[in-house]
């Protein structure tokens, strides 16, 4: 048994050898890692991309400050080598099984706003065939309910239509990235990655949304950016705009994937990993 001491109080134990070609041992290994993280596993899994980003920014060659006490545990080199060797089989199995495939890279999404908006529209559509149902759209509705208007329903209706590159007011010069038209609400999603806001852009979208929603339906505009910044073009309608970052959306996608079959979970989590890097 290899035991690695972490923070002097928690440990990871690898007790069973991997039996190819089954992935149960890999699941068991991940399960043994859970005590190393506080709180619900779904919470810390959302933060792992941030953890790795932080680790990449560290300079391990710097000396620790003199006032800090640094504890160095003795390393069992042979045991660590055995531990790494035990991971070879599961990793090789995942490679040949396609678990490391990246369909979004193959589709050349990169930082293209139109292509990323198209995939996002698919995940927002409860009838999109992605296998996550209305989980992502229900998360967005929950954010709007909590921060702006509790008249929004908790979930979309069966008559919800999610479209991309639409002209809500019939003017081809005013094309929105994503339009969500439900019998109970109306939403516009403005997708930003590299492009800047146009003059009065969000204010125009708010006026369009208000006109389409009428007096009976609540409405809002989602401003989706890499950093979740507040828009500068909303004018007097700023209170109707909800700022969301791609990282927020990625976390929601990972939560939407929990408990789903393998293919929907893979699609949602791989797209979440892609948009986290935008």
Protein backbone atom coordinates (compact mmCIF):
# COMPACT_ATOMS: atom_id res chain seq x y z
CA UNK A 1 0.00 0.00 0.00
CA UNK A 2 1.33 3.42 -0.98
CA UNK A 3 0.37 6.18 1.40
CA UNK A 4 1.00 9.86 0.70
CA UNK A 5 0.63 12.21 3.65
CA UNK A 6 -1.08 15.50 2.82
CA UNK A 7 -1.15 18.40 5.28
CA UNK A 8 -0.12 15.90 8.02
CA UNK A 9 -3.75 14.81 8.52
CA UNK A 10 -5.20 13.39 5.32
CA UNK A 11 -3.97 10.58 3.13
CA UNK A 12 -4.49 8.87 -0.17
CA UNK A 13 -4.33 5.10 -0.28
CA UNK A 14 -4.06 3.07 -3.44
CA UNK A 15 -5.03 -0.40 -2.25
CA UNK A 16 -6.15 -2.29 -5.32
CA UNK A 17 -4.31 -2.90 -8.57
CA UNK A 18 -5.99 -1.91 -11.82
CA UNK A 19 -7.63 -4.80 -13.67
CA UNK A 20 -7.65 -4.06 -17.41
CA UNK A 21 -9.60 -3.07 -19.32
CA UNK A 22 -12.16 -1.93 -16.73
CA UNK A 23 -12.36 1.67 -15.55
CA UNK A 24 -13.67 0.82 -12.09
CA UNK A 25 -10.21 1.15 -10.56
CA UNK A 26 -9.87 4.65 -12.00
CA UNK A 27 -13.22 5.60 -10.50
CA UNK A 28 -12.06 4.12 -7.19
CA UNK A 29 -8.84 6.13 -7.37
CA UNK A 30 -10.76 9.37 -7.91
CA UNK A 31 -13.01 8.39 -5.03
CA UNK A 32 -9.95 8.05 -2.77
CA UNK A 33 -8.89 11.56 -3.75
CA UNK A 34 -12.13 13.07 -2.46
CA UNK A 35 -11.04 13.39 1.21
CA UNK A 36 -8.29 15.74 0.07
CA UNK A 37 -10.87 18.35 -0.86
CA UNK A 38 -13.33 20.03 1.48
CA UNK A 39 -17.02 20.17 0.71
CA UNK A 40 -19.12 18.58 -1.98
CA UNK A 41 -17.12 16.89 -4.80
CA UNK A 42 -19.25 18.71 -7.38
CA UNK A 43 -18.06 22.01 -5.88
CA UNK A 44 -14.31 21.30 -5.92
CA UNK A 45 -14.48 19.72 -9.38
CA UNK A 46 -15.73 23.07 -10.69
CA UNK A 47 -12.62 24.73 -9.24
CA UNK A 48 -10.02 22.28 -10.61
CA UNK A 49 -9.40 24.29 -13.82
CA UNK A 50 -8.68 27.35 -11.66
CA UNK A 51 -6.32 25.27 -9.51
CA UNK A 52 -4.28 24.12 -12.49
CA UNK A 53 -4.20 27.64 -13.95
CA UNK A 54 -2.81 28.86 -10.62
CA UNK A 55 -0.20 26.10 -10.49
CA UNK A 56 1.01 27.03 -13.97
CA UNK A 57 1.64 30.57 -12.79
CA UNK A 58 3.79 29.58 -9.81
CA UNK A 59 7.59 29.86 -9.75
CA UNK A 60 8.88 26.87 -7.86
CA UNK A 61 12.47 28.13 -7.94
CA UNK A 62 11.82 30.94 -5.44
CA UNK A 63 12.81 30.57 -1.81
CA UNK A 64 10.02 30.54 0.72
CA UNK A 65 9.82 33.68 2.93
CA UNK A 66 11.97 33.37 6.05
CA UNK A 67 9.01 33.87 8.40
CA UNK A 68 7.13 30.88 7.01
CA UNK A 69 7.66 27.38 8.34
CA UNK A 70 7.87 24.94 5.43
CA UNK A 71 7.47 21.23 6.08
CA UNK A 72 9.05 18.83 3.61
CA UNK A 73 7.80 15.27 3.85
CA UNK A 74 10.18 12.45 3.06
CA UNK A 75 9.39 11.07 -0.37
CA UNK A 76 9.22 7.35 -1.05
CA UNK A 77 10.65 7.41 -4.59
CA UNK A 78 10.06 3.72 -5.22
CA UNK A 79 6.51 3.91 -3.92
CA UNK A 80 5.77 7.02 -5.98
CA UNK A 81 7.14 5.27 -9.05
CA UNK A 82 4.89 2.30 -8.39
CA UNK A 83 1.93 4.61 -7.97
CA UNK A 84 2.59 6.31 -11.31
CA UNK A 85 3.08 2.91 -12.98
CA UNK A 86 -0.32 1.80 -11.65
CA UNK A 87 -1.92 4.68 -13.57
CA UNK A 88 -0.47 3.56 -16.90
CA UNK A 89 -3.19 0.99 -17.63
CA UNK A 90 -6.19 3.25 -16.87
CA UNK A 91 -4.71 6.13 -18.87
CA UNK A 92 -3.96 3.90 -21.86
CA UNK A 93 -7.50 2.52 -21.70
CA UNK A 94 -8.96 6.03 -21.65
CA UNK A 95 -6.81 7.01 -24.64
CA UNK A 96 -7.97 4.12 -26.84
CA UNK A 97 -11.58 4.60 -25.64
CA UNK A 98 -11.69 8.18 -26.91
CA UNK A 99 -12.16 9.78 -23.49
CA UNK A 100 -9.39 12.28 -24.26
CA UNK A 101 -10.95 13.30 -27.58
CA UNK A 102 -11.71 16.98 -28.04
CA UNK A 103 -14.54 17.43 -30.55
CA UNK A 104 -14.53 21.21 -30.04
CA UNK A 105 -10.90 21.48 -31.05
CA UNK A 106 -11.59 19.28 -34.07
CA UNK A 107 -14.47 21.61 -35.00
CA UNK A 108 -12.05 24.58 -34.81
CA UNK A 109 -14.19 26.54 -32.36
CA UNK A 110 -11.14 28.32 -30.93
CA UNK A 111 -12.24 31.87 -29.99
CA UNK A 112 -14.72 32.23 -32.83
CA UNK A 113 -17.80 33.89 -31.33
CA UNK A 114 -20.27 32.62 -33.95
CA UNK A 115 -19.16 28.99 -33.64
CA UNK A 116 -19.06 29.04 -29.83
CA UNK A 117 -22.48 30.71 -29.71
CA UNK A 118 -23.86 27.98 -31.97
CA UNK A 119 -22.69 25.21 -29.64
CA UNK A 120 -23.91 27.15 -26.61
CA UNK A 121 -27.34 27.51 -28.23
CA UNK A 122 -27.41 23.73 -28.60
CA UNK A 123 -26.72 23.16 -24.90
CA UNK A 124 -29.29 25.81 -23.91
CA UNK A 125 -31.98 24.15 -26.01
CA UNK A 126 -33.86 21.59 -23.85
CA UNK A 127 -34.68 19.66 -27.03
CA UNK A 128 -31.15 19.90 -28.43
CA UNK A 129 -30.37 16.18 -28.28
CA UNK A 130 -27.26 16.68 -26.14
CA UNK A 131 -28.66 14.58 -23.29
CA UNK A 132 -28.54 17.26 -20.58
CA UNK A 133 -32.18 18.28 -20.96
CA UNK A 134 -33.04 21.74 -19.63
CA UNK A 135 -30.32 21.74 -16.95
CA UNK A 136 -28.22 24.57 -18.40
CA UNK A 137 -31.15 26.80 -19.31
CA UNK A 138 -32.71 26.19 -15.88
CA UNK A 139 -29.43 27.37 -14.30
CA UNK A 140 -29.56 30.57 -16.37
CA UNK A 141 -33.19 31.11 -15.37
CA UNK A 142 -32.23 30.61 -11.73
CA UNK A 143 -29.55 33.31 -12.02
CA UNK A 144 -32.02 35.74 -13.57
CA UNK A 145 -34.66 34.94 -10.94
CA UNK A 146 -32.21 35.49 -8.09
CA UNK A 147 -30.53 38.64 -9.38
CA UNK A 148 -33.19 40.45 -11.39
CA UNK A 149 -36.74 39.21 -11.65
CA UNK A 150 -38.46 36.47 -9.67
CA UNK A 151 -41.26 36.40 -12.25
CA UNK A 152 -39.03 34.20 -14.39
CA UNK A 153 -40.01 30.52 -14.13
CA UNK A 154 -37.63 28.00 -12.58
CA UNK A 155 -37.69 25.90 -15.74
CA UNK A 156 -38.57 26.47 -19.40
CA UNK A 157 -41.87 25.29 -20.82
CA UNK A 158 -42.39 22.69 -23.53
CA UNK A 159 -42.87 25.59 -25.98
CA UNK A 160 -39.38 27.02 -25.52
CA UNK A 161 -37.56 27.87 -28.76
CA UNK A 162 -33.82 28.59 -28.70
CA UNK A 163 -32.37 30.09 -31.88
CA UNK A 164 -29.01 31.49 -32.97
CA UNK A 165 -28.28 34.54 -35.14
CA UNK A 166 -31.88 35.75 -35.05
CA UNK A 167 -33.39 39.15 -35.93
CA UNK A 168 -36.01 39.56 -33.18
CA UNK A 169 -37.44 42.80 -34.59
CA UNK A 170 -37.25 41.74 -38.24
CA UNK A 171 -34.36 44.11 -38.97
CA UNK A 172 -31.50 42.16 -40.55
CA UNK A 173 -29.09 44.85 -39.36
CA UNK A 174 -29.86 43.97 -35.73
CA UNK A 175 -28.95 40.30 -35.36
CA UNK A 176 -28.63 38.84 -31.83
CA UNK A 177 -26.38 35.90 -30.98
CA UNK A 178 -28.94 33.74 -29.14
CA UNK A 179 -32.66 34.28 -28.69
CA UNK A 180 -34.72 32.24 -26.18
CA UNK A 181 -38.44 32.62 -26.82
CA UNK A 182 -40.68 30.89 -24.27
CA UNK A 183 -44.37 31.25 -23.56
CA UNK A 184 -43.41 32.42 -20.05
CA UNK A 185 -40.32 34.62 -20.71
CA UNK A 186 -38.01 36.13 -23.33
CA UNK A 187 -34.18 36.18 -23.21
CA UNK A 188 -31.40 37.46 -25.44
CA UNK A 189 -27.83 36.21 -24.97
CA UNK A 190 -25.06 38.44 -26.30
CA UNK A 191 -21.84 36.42 -26.72
CA UNK A 192 -18.50 38.20 -26.44
CA UNK A 193 -15.00 36.72 -26.63
CA UNK A 194 -12.74 39.19 -28.42
CA UNK A 195 -15.14 41.65 -30.07
CA UNK A 196 -15.89 44.95 -28.34
CA UNK A 197 -19.37 46.31 -27.68
CA UNK A 198 -20.91 48.39 -30.42
CA UNK A 199 -22.33 51.84 -29.55
CA UNK A 200 -25.65 51.42 -27.70
CA UNK A 201 -25.61 47.69 -28.52
CA UNK A 202 -27.04 46.34 -25.24
CA UNK A 203 -29.53 49.20 -25.00
CA UNK A 204 -30.89 48.30 -28.45
CA UNK A 205 -31.15 44.63 -27.46
CA UNK A 206 -33.02 45.57 -24.28
CA UNK A 207 -35.54 47.61 -26.27
CA UNK A 208 -36.02 44.72 -28.68
CA UNK A 209 -36.49 42.23 -25.84
CA UNK A 210 -39.01 44.51 -24.11
CA UNK A 211 -41.01 44.85 -27.31
CA UNK A 212 -41.00 41.10 -28.00
CA UNK A 213 -41.93 40.19 -24.42
CA UNK A 214 -44.81 42.65 -24.23
CA UNK A 215 -46.51 43.39 -20.95
CA UNK A 216 -47.15 39.77 -19.92
CA UNK A 217 -43.71 38.13 -20.05
CA UNK A 218 -40.54 38.96 -18.06
CA UNK A 219 -37.43 39.58 -20.12
CA UNK A 220 -33.68 40.10 -19.71
CA UNK A 221 -30.44 40.25 -21.69
CA UNK A 222 -27.51 37.98 -20.77
CA UNK A 223 -24.11 39.58 -21.39
CA UNK A 224 -21.66 36.66 -21.71
CA UNK A 225 -17.98 37.61 -21.66
CA UNK A 226 -14.62 36.09 -20.74
CA UNK A 227 -14.45 38.08 -17.49
CA UNK A 228 -18.09 38.70 -16.58
CA UNK A 229 -17.66 42.46 -16.91
CA UNK A 230 -20.45 45.01 -16.71
CA UNK A 231 -21.52 46.30 -20.15
CA UNK A 232 -20.96 49.93 -21.12
CA UNK A 233 -23.64 50.10 -23.83
CA UNK A 234 -26.81 49.28 -21.84
CA UNK A 235 -27.73 52.87 -21.03
CA UNK A 236 -30.79 53.22 -18.79
CA UNK A 237 -31.54 49.50 -19.18
CA UNK A 238 -28.47 48.36 -17.23
CA UNK A 239 -30.74 46.86 -14.56
CA UNK A 240 -32.12 44.40 -17.11
CA UNK A 241 -28.71 43.06 -18.15
CA UNK A 242 -27.14 40.10 -16.33
CA UNK A 243 -23.35 39.82 -16.68
CA UNK A 244 -22.07 36.22 -16.85
CA UNK A 245 -18.56 34.91 -17.50
CA UNK A 246 -17.64 31.88 -19.58
CA UNK A 247 -16.17 30.34 -16.42
CA UNK A 248 -19.56 30.69 -14.70
CA UNK A 249 -21.13 28.97 -17.67
CA UNK A 250 -18.51 26.20 -17.60
CA UNK A 251 -19.28 25.51 -13.93
CA UNK A 252 -22.99 25.30 -14.77
CA UNK A 253 -22.25 22.88 -17.62
CA UNK A 254 -20.30 20.61 -15.27
CA UNK A 255 -23.19 20.61 -12.81
CA UNK A 256 -25.59 19.87 -15.67
CA UNK A 257 -23.44 16.85 -16.57
CA UNK A 258 -23.63 15.27 -13.11
CA UNK A 259 -25.49 11.98 -13.12
CA UNK A 260 -25.85 11.95 -16.92
CA UNK A 261 -24.89 9.00 -19.14
CA UNK A 262 -21.33 8.89 -20.45
CA UNK A 263 -21.84 10.62 -23.80
CA UNK A 264 -23.84 13.65 -22.52
CA UNK A 265 -21.42 14.00 -19.62
CA UNK A 266 -18.44 13.89 -21.96
CA UNK A 267 -19.92 16.46 -24.35
CA UNK A 268 -20.85 18.90 -21.57
CA UNK A 269 -17.61 18.62 -19.60
CA UNK A 270 -15.40 18.83 -22.69
CA UNK A 271 -17.19 21.99 -23.87
CA UNK A 272 -16.91 23.35 -20.32
CA UNK A 273 -13.15 22.76 -20.44
CA UNK A 274 -12.98 24.53 -23.80
CA UNK A 275 -14.86 27.67 -22.73
CA UNK A 276 -12.93 27.84 -19.45
CA UNK A 277 -9.80 28.50 -21.50
CA UNK A 278 -11.34 31.37 -23.50
